[in-house]
Every structure is written in C-alpha cells, then in structure tokens.
Amino acid sequence: MRTAILTHAGGNVQPGARAGTPNYTGSPLRAHCVEGAVKTGVQSGAAEETSMKSDGVLIGSIVSLALGLGLIFGYCHGTVGFNAAYPASGASLQLNVVTTGMPAMAGFAFTVLGLVLLVVAFFQAVVRLTPPPRAAVHREGSGN
C-alpha cells in the first residue's frame, strides 16, 4: 500500500498520516473514501472527485421548478378565494389557475423536469451517504 500525504477539507490530517491511523482526525466515512483512493492508486486530493455528487442535479432541479412554476403562475389569470369558518371543517381554499398558450406547455414541461431531477438528486444523495460494502476476508487455513 502506498503512503500518501492526505490533505483535504473535512479533517485535520498530520503530514504522512494514512486514513485509519491515529493521526487521522477526519470523519470515518471520509477516511474510508480516502483510504480506498490510496489503495487504488488515486493521488491524494482526487478522492473527493471520484464520489457521486448530487449538487449539480439539485441546482438544475431547483432552477427548472422555479422556471416552470414561474411561467405557470406568472402568465395565469384566475381567482383565489379563502373562507375561514368555525368549525374548521367549514373552511375552504379555492384556487383557480388558468394559464394558456406556450407558457402553459413550457411551464408544465419545466415543472415535470424539475420534479424528475429532484428525485434523481435525492437518490444520488442517499447513495452517497450509504457506506460502501466491505469485501469478504478469506483467511488461509480456515478450510474455506
């Protein structure tokens, strides 16, 4: 295994310290990622680039949602009504949104694209947070 100088944002690392040693004070998940990068021969500092990032997809989803809903509500003509009553079961909210023409089609398309990208970003974030599976260790002489 190579010994590399680990320098990255997320923990205080002594020069020459390897992930998993007492001199490494970063997070355990980051230590596992950096240790895997050192084992596979990736230079230090590049371990951050190999993980799946959901930041760009999340930004794209927010922009698409904002653009789609902005088109739908910006070019709408309709009415909004709210009635408060006691008991609360008698209260009502009536929202009548009518958007016609190209803003209606483009707004709907951008809103659906934003929702799909939001779901993709969510799953990428979940995958990024789950720890990688550990490899099975076979011991010599154990009969397996």
Protein backbone atom coordinates (compact mmCIF):
# COMPACT_ATOMS: atom_id res chain seq x y z
CA MET A 1 0.00 0.00 0.00
CA ARG A 2 1.23 3.47 -0.81
CA THR A 3 1.75 6.07 1.85
CA ALA A 4 0.39 9.40 0.71
CA ILE A 5 0.09 12.79 2.30
CA LEU A 6 -3.61 13.28 2.82
CA THR A 7 -4.78 16.85 2.61
CA HIS A 8 -8.45 17.60 2.10
CA ALA A 9 -11.19 19.69 3.64
CA GLY A 10 -13.04 17.83 6.35
CA GLY A 11 -10.47 16.91 8.94
CA ASN A 12 -7.10 17.80 10.38
CA VAL A 13 -4.55 15.40 8.99
CA GLN A 14 -0.94 15.19 10.02
CA PRO A 15 1.55 15.07 7.12
CA GLY A 16 2.19 11.47 6.10
CA ALA A 17 -0.84 10.14 8.01
CA ARG A 18 -2.87 7.39 6.38
CA ALA A 19 -6.61 7.05 6.75
CA GLY A 20 -7.44 4.73 9.62
CA THR A 21 -4.36 5.65 11.67
CA PRO A 22 -4.46 7.51 14.98
CA ASN A 23 -3.05 10.67 13.34
CA TYR A 24 -6.10 10.95 11.06
CA THR A 25 -8.83 13.07 12.67
CA GLY A 26 -11.33 13.32 9.78
CA SER A 27 -14.75 11.67 9.64
CA PRO A 28 -14.86 7.83 9.42
CA LEU A 29 -16.75 7.89 6.10
CA ARG A 30 -14.23 10.30 4.58
CA ALA A 31 -11.40 8.17 5.98
CA HIS A 32 -12.84 5.13 4.22
CA CYS A 33 -13.12 7.02 0.92
CA VAL A 34 -9.58 8.39 1.17
CA GLU A 35 -8.17 5.03 2.21
CA GLY A 36 -9.86 3.39 -0.78
CA ALA A 37 -8.43 6.05 -3.07
CA VAL A 38 -4.94 5.48 -1.70
CA LYS A 39 -5.30 1.70 -2.12
CA THR A 40 -6.37 2.02 -5.74
CA GLY A 41 -3.52 4.36 -6.57
CA VAL A 42 -5.50 7.57 -6.88
CA GLN A 43 -3.41 10.56 -5.92
CA SER A 44 -4.32 12.38 -2.74
CA GLY A 45 -6.87 15.13 -3.26
CA ALA A 46 -8.61 13.26 -6.09
CA ALA A 47 -10.67 11.09 -3.73
CA GLU A 48 -13.15 13.95 -3.44
CA GLU A 49 -13.69 13.92 -7.23
CA THR A 50 -14.46 10.20 -7.51
CA SER A 51 -17.61 10.24 -5.36
CA MET A 52 -21.03 10.81 -6.90
CA LYS A 53 -22.15 14.41 -6.45
CA SER A 54 -25.78 15.47 -6.45
CA ASP A 55 -25.13 19.20 -6.22
CA GLY A 56 -25.43 19.98 -9.95
CA VAL A 57 -28.57 17.90 -10.34
CA LEU A 58 -30.13 19.56 -7.30
CA ILE A 59 -29.37 23.04 -8.64
CA GLY A 60 -30.80 22.06 -12.03
CA SER A 61 -33.98 20.76 -10.40
CA ILE A 62 -34.48 23.95 -8.39
CA VAL A 63 -33.94 26.13 -11.47
CA SER A 64 -36.34 24.01 -13.55
CA LEU A 65 -39.01 24.06 -10.82
CA ALA A 66 -38.69 27.81 -10.35
CA LEU A 67 -38.85 28.44 -14.10
CA GLY A 68 -41.83 26.12 -14.60
CA LEU A 69 -43.88 27.42 -11.70
CA GLY A 70 -42.89 30.98 -12.58
CA LEU A 71 -44.24 30.53 -16.10
CA ILE A 72 -47.44 28.91 -14.87
CA PHE A 73 -48.23 31.49 -12.19
CA GLY A 74 -46.69 34.47 -14.00
CA TYR A 75 -48.94 34.13 -17.04
CA CYS A 76 -52.06 32.91 -15.25
CA HIS A 77 -55.37 34.65 -14.95
CA GLY A 78 -57.68 33.26 -12.35
CA THR A 79 -59.10 33.73 -8.89
CA VAL A 80 -58.15 32.83 -5.36
CA GLY A 81 -60.65 32.56 -2.56
CA PHE A 82 -60.31 31.65 1.11
CA ASN A 83 -63.13 31.24 3.59
CA ALA A 84 -62.41 30.83 7.29
CA ALA A 85 -65.11 29.20 9.37
CA TYR A 86 -65.78 27.63 12.71
CA PRO A 87 -65.63 24.63 12.99
CA ALA A 88 -62.52 24.23 10.86
CA SER A 89 -64.22 21.65 8.63
CA GLY A 90 -66.19 24.51 7.07
CA ALA A 91 -63.06 26.41 5.95
CA SER A 92 -62.17 26.29 2.26
CA LEU A 93 -59.47 27.40 -0.12
CA GLN A 94 -60.37 27.80 -3.78
CA LEU A 95 -57.56 28.28 -6.27
CA ASN A 96 -58.42 28.70 -9.93
CA VAL A 97 -55.29 28.93 -12.08
CA VAL A 98 -55.73 29.28 -15.85
CA THR A 99 -52.63 29.59 -17.99
CA THR A 100 -52.98 29.42 -21.76
CA GLY A 101 -50.65 29.13 -24.71
CA MET A 102 -46.93 28.48 -24.75
CA PRO A 103 -46.31 29.41 -21.08
CA ALA A 104 -48.72 26.65 -20.05
CA MET A 105 -46.90 23.98 -22.08
CA ALA A 106 -43.39 25.18 -21.23
CA GLY A 107 -44.28 25.68 -17.56
CA PHE A 108 -45.65 22.17 -17.28
CA ALA A 109 -42.58 20.69 -19.04
CA PHE A 110 -40.11 22.56 -16.83
CA THR A 111 -42.05 21.63 -13.69
CA VAL A 112 -42.05 17.93 -14.58
CA LEU A 113 -38.33 18.09 -15.49
CA GLY A 114 -37.60 19.77 -12.14
CA LEU A 115 -39.50 17.09 -10.23
CA VAL A 116 -37.66 14.28 -12.04
CA LEU A 117 -34.29 15.92 -11.39
CA LEU A 118 -35.24 16.40 -7.74
CA VAL A 119 -35.96 12.68 -7.39
CA VAL A 120 -32.66 11.82 -9.11
CA ALA A 121 -30.75 14.20 -6.80
CA PHE A 122 -32.42 12.63 -3.77
CA PHE A 123 -31.37 9.12 -4.78
CA GLN A 124 -27.83 10.28 -5.58
CA ALA A 125 -27.59 11.84 -2.12
CA VAL A 126 -28.85 8.64 -0.48
CA VAL A 127 -26.33 6.55 -2.43
CA ARG A 128 -23.56 8.97 -1.49
CA LEU A 129 -24.43 8.69 2.22
CA THR A 130 -24.57 4.89 2.36
CA PRO A 131 -21.25 3.26 3.22
CA PRO A 132 -19.68 1.03 0.57
CA PRO A 133 -19.95 -2.74 1.13
CA ARG A 134 -16.96 -4.37 2.75
CA ALA A 135 -15.13 -7.09 0.87
CA ALA A 136 -15.19 -10.59 2.35
CA VAL A 137 -11.92 -11.53 4.03
CA HIS A 138 -10.71 -15.08 3.41
CA ARG A 139 -8.21 -16.42 5.91
CA GLU A 140 -5.71 -19.03 4.87
CA GLY A 141 -6.03 -22.34 6.66
CA SER A 142 -9.64 -21.85 7.70
CA GLY A 143 -10.86 -24.56 5.31
CA ASN A 144 -12.90 -22.26 3.07
